Amino acid sequence: MIQHLRPAVTFMGMFTLLLGLAYPLALTGAARLAFPWQAGGSPVVQADRVVGSALLGQAFTQTRYFHPRPSAGSYDPMASGGSNLGPTAQKLIDRVKAEARPGIPADAVTMSASGLDPDISPANALAQVARVAQARGLPPDAVRALVMAQTQTRLWGLIGEPRVNVLALNLALDALPQ
């Protein structure tokens, strides 16, 4: 029996080291070499200070800022994940009915799959223009123009949907003369 157990334990140890340690470390190293900014958390730096991440959603709750999509994980990257509520779940239906109003885009009341989506739809951003403009004492047309300037189009005109990065929009908003 020992003659059969020894090779099994040896192979298990070898594959554990190879696939559980060496392979993940090699991929992490390759990612850091090929994509250093993304692998480092995609930090957005202003005045030598990290103010957020371009690829992760952050909570903005003040009325003077544009708000991101709701997050099941409270914008904590370690708690990333959706609510796992299906389209027929009564809890989801009740929450959306309580928050939805005519003219409000779907992404303003529904969560992204990860709960960390940094982008909102242009319609969602435009729906928030009046609130942000009033809170900042700015003309709505100026805030609307800023939203349009921050709107990113589809990749190569084909992939994805038009979107607005909430952090970039709020930083551009802070840069406006008040």
Protein backbone atom coordinates (compact mmCIF):
# COMPACT_ATOMS: atom_id res chain seq x y z
CA MET A 1 0.00 0.00 0.00
CA ILE A 2 2.84 2.42 0.83
CA GLN A 3 4.28 1.84 -2.64
CA HIS A 4 1.03 3.27 -4.12
CA LEU A 5 0.63 6.05 -1.57
CA ARG A 6 4.13 7.54 -1.94
CA PRO A 7 3.80 8.42 -5.68
CA ALA A 8 0.32 9.84 -5.11
CA VAL A 9 1.49 12.09 -2.28
CA THR A 10 4.59 13.09 -4.28
CA PHE A 11 2.52 14.04 -7.34
CA MET A 12 -0.01 15.87 -5.20
CA GLY A 13 2.81 17.90 -3.60
CA MET A 14 4.44 18.63 -6.97
CA PHE A 15 1.21 19.73 -8.61
CA THR A 16 0.24 21.79 -5.57
CA LEU A 17 3.52 23.69 -5.80
CA LEU A 18 3.35 23.95 -9.58
CA LEU A 19 -0.33 24.89 -10.03
CA GLY A 20 -1.00 26.45 -6.64
CA LEU A 21 2.14 28.55 -6.30
CA ALA A 22 4.41 28.74 -9.36
CA TYR A 23 1.68 29.20 -11.98
CA PRO A 24 -0.24 31.98 -10.14
CA LEU A 25 3.02 33.80 -9.35
CA ALA A 26 4.12 33.56 -13.00
CA LEU A 27 0.77 34.92 -14.23
CA THR A 28 0.83 37.72 -11.66
CA GLY A 29 4.36 38.65 -12.72
CA ALA A 30 3.41 38.59 -16.41
CA ALA A 31 0.35 40.77 -15.72
CA ARG A 32 2.46 43.28 -13.80
CA LEU A 33 4.92 43.45 -16.71
CA ALA A 34 2.31 43.63 -19.49
CA PHE A 35 -0.28 45.78 -17.70
CA PRO A 36 1.44 47.58 -14.80
CA TRP A 37 -1.19 50.31 -14.35
CA GLN A 38 -4.16 47.92 -14.32
CA ALA A 39 -2.38 45.32 -12.17
CA GLY A 40 -1.49 48.08 -9.71
CA GLY A 41 -5.15 48.95 -9.16
CA SER A 42 -5.52 51.57 -11.94
CA PRO A 43 -4.86 54.48 -9.57
CA VAL A 44 -5.96 58.00 -10.48
CA VAL A 45 -3.42 60.44 -9.04
CA GLN A 46 -3.87 64.18 -8.52
CA ALA A 47 -1.32 66.37 -6.79
CA ASP A 48 0.77 63.32 -5.82
CA ARG A 49 -2.22 61.76 -4.07
CA VAL A 50 -4.28 58.75 -5.16
CA VAL A 51 -7.90 59.91 -5.39
CA GLY A 52 -9.46 56.69 -6.65
CA SER A 53 -9.35 53.93 -9.21
CA ALA A 54 -10.32 54.32 -12.86
CA LEU A 55 -11.49 50.71 -13.09
CA LEU A 56 -13.34 50.34 -9.77
CA GLY A 57 -16.52 52.10 -8.72
CA GLN A 58 -16.45 54.34 -5.68
CA ALA A 59 -19.27 55.60 -3.51
CA PHE A 60 -20.25 59.22 -4.11
CA THR A 61 -23.19 60.22 -1.95
CA GLN A 62 -23.08 64.02 -1.79
CA THR A 63 -25.66 65.79 -3.95
CA ARG A 64 -22.89 67.84 -5.58
CA TYR A 65 -21.45 64.71 -7.20
CA PHE A 66 -22.70 62.26 -9.79
CA HIS A 67 -23.66 58.97 -8.19
CA PRO A 68 -22.57 55.54 -9.43
CA ARG A 69 -24.73 52.47 -9.87
CA PRO A 70 -25.90 50.80 -6.65
CA SER A 71 -23.47 48.21 -5.28
CA ALA A 72 -24.32 44.97 -3.48
CA GLY A 73 -20.82 44.98 -1.95
CA SER A 74 -20.82 48.63 -0.83
CA TYR A 75 -18.03 49.37 -3.36
CA ASP A 76 -15.60 47.15 -1.42
CA PRO A 77 -13.38 45.25 -3.89
CA MET A 78 -12.99 42.44 -1.37
CA ALA A 79 -16.78 42.00 -1.27
CA SER A 80 -17.18 42.12 -5.03
CA GLY A 81 -20.28 40.45 -6.33
CA GLY A 82 -23.81 41.06 -7.37
CA SER A 83 -26.90 40.55 -5.31
CA ASN A 84 -27.58 37.24 -7.10
CA LEU A 85 -31.23 38.19 -7.33
CA GLY A 86 -32.84 37.01 -10.55
CA PRO A 87 -35.28 39.11 -12.59
CA THR A 88 -38.25 37.39 -10.95
CA ALA A 89 -36.99 37.70 -7.34
CA GLN A 90 -39.60 39.55 -5.32
CA LYS A 91 -36.93 41.33 -3.24
CA LEU A 92 -35.38 42.79 -6.43
CA ILE A 93 -38.78 43.72 -7.86
CA ASP A 94 -39.74 45.50 -4.63
CA ARG A 95 -36.43 47.40 -4.44
CA VAL A 96 -36.56 48.54 -8.06
CA LYS A 97 -40.23 49.58 -7.75
CA ALA A 98 -39.36 51.63 -4.64
CA GLU A 99 -36.47 53.41 -6.36
CA ALA A 100 -37.63 53.63 -9.98
CA ARG A 101 -39.35 56.73 -11.25
CA PRO A 102 -40.42 57.68 -14.76
CA GLY A 103 -37.46 58.78 -16.85
CA ILE A 104 -34.87 57.16 -14.58
CA PRO A 105 -32.55 54.81 -16.51
CA ALA A 106 -32.35 51.17 -15.47
CA ASP A 107 -28.71 51.40 -14.41
CA ALA A 108 -29.62 54.02 -11.80
CA VAL A 109 -31.58 51.43 -9.79
CA THR A 110 -29.96 48.12 -10.74
CA MET A 111 -26.60 46.77 -9.61
CA SER A 112 -23.79 45.67 -11.89
CA ALA A 113 -22.64 42.05 -11.76
CA SER A 114 -19.53 42.87 -9.72
CA GLY A 115 -20.95 45.77 -7.73
CA LEU A 116 -17.81 47.70 -8.69
CA ASP A 117 -18.72 49.08 -12.12
CA PRO A 118 -17.00 52.48 -12.48
CA ASP A 119 -19.25 53.58 -15.34
CA ILE A 120 -22.84 54.69 -15.74
CA SER A 121 -24.85 55.18 -18.90
CA PRO A 122 -24.97 58.66 -20.45
CA ALA A 123 -28.73 58.61 -19.76
CA ASN A 124 -28.06 58.00 -16.06
CA ALA A 125 -25.55 60.86 -15.95
CA LEU A 126 -27.91 63.20 -17.79
CA ALA A 127 -30.71 62.31 -15.36
CA GLN A 128 -28.49 63.59 -12.52
CA VAL A 129 -27.53 66.91 -14.19
CA ALA A 130 -30.27 69.02 -12.57
CA ARG A 131 -29.41 67.83 -9.04
CA VAL A 132 -25.66 68.34 -9.47
CA ALA A 133 -26.07 71.73 -11.18
CA GLN A 134 -28.38 72.98 -8.42
CA ALA A 135 -26.10 71.71 -5.64
CA ARG A 136 -23.08 73.43 -7.20
CA GLY A 137 -24.86 76.58 -8.38
CA LEU A 138 -23.86 75.90 -11.98
CA PRO A 139 -25.93 76.30 -15.13
CA PRO A 140 -27.41 72.92 -16.12
CA ASP A 141 -26.15 73.41 -19.69
CA ALA A 142 -22.54 73.61 -18.44
CA VAL A 143 -22.93 70.40 -16.44
CA ARG A 144 -24.67 68.69 -19.37
CA ALA A 145 -21.81 69.71 -21.67
CA LEU A 146 -19.34 68.23 -19.19
CA VAL A 147 -21.26 64.94 -19.21
CA MET A 148 -21.17 64.86 -23.00
CA ALA A 149 -17.43 65.63 -23.01
CA GLN A 150 -16.81 62.76 -20.56
CA THR A 151 -18.93 60.24 -22.47
CA GLN A 152 -16.83 57.42 -23.90
CA THR A 153 -18.02 55.75 -27.10
CA ARG A 154 -18.02 52.10 -28.09
CA LEU A 155 -14.58 50.54 -28.55
CA TRP A 156 -13.79 50.63 -32.29
CA GLY A 157 -17.39 51.72 -32.79
CA LEU A 158 -18.56 48.14 -32.12
CA ILE A 159 -17.79 46.82 -28.66
CA GLY A 160 -19.65 47.84 -25.51
CA GLU A 161 -22.04 50.66 -24.88
CA PRO A 162 -21.45 54.40 -24.50
CA ARG A 163 -20.52 55.08 -20.89
CA VAL A 164 -19.39 57.74 -18.44
CA ASN A 165 -16.72 57.04 -15.83
CA VAL A 166 -18.15 58.48 -12.60
CA LEU A 167 -14.78 59.27 -10.99
CA ALA A 168 -13.48 61.04 -14.10
CA LEU A 169 -16.72 63.01 -14.40
CA ASN A 170 -16.64 64.08 -10.75
CA LEU A 171 -12.97 65.08 -10.98
CA ALA A 172 -13.73 67.13 -14.10
CA LEU A 173 -16.64 68.68 -12.22
CA ASP A 174 -14.34 69.63 -9.33
CA ALA A 175 -11.95 71.25 -11.84
CA LEU A 176 -14.65 73.64 -13.11
CA PRO A 177 -14.44 77.19 -11.82
CA GLN A 178 -17.02 77.59 -9.09
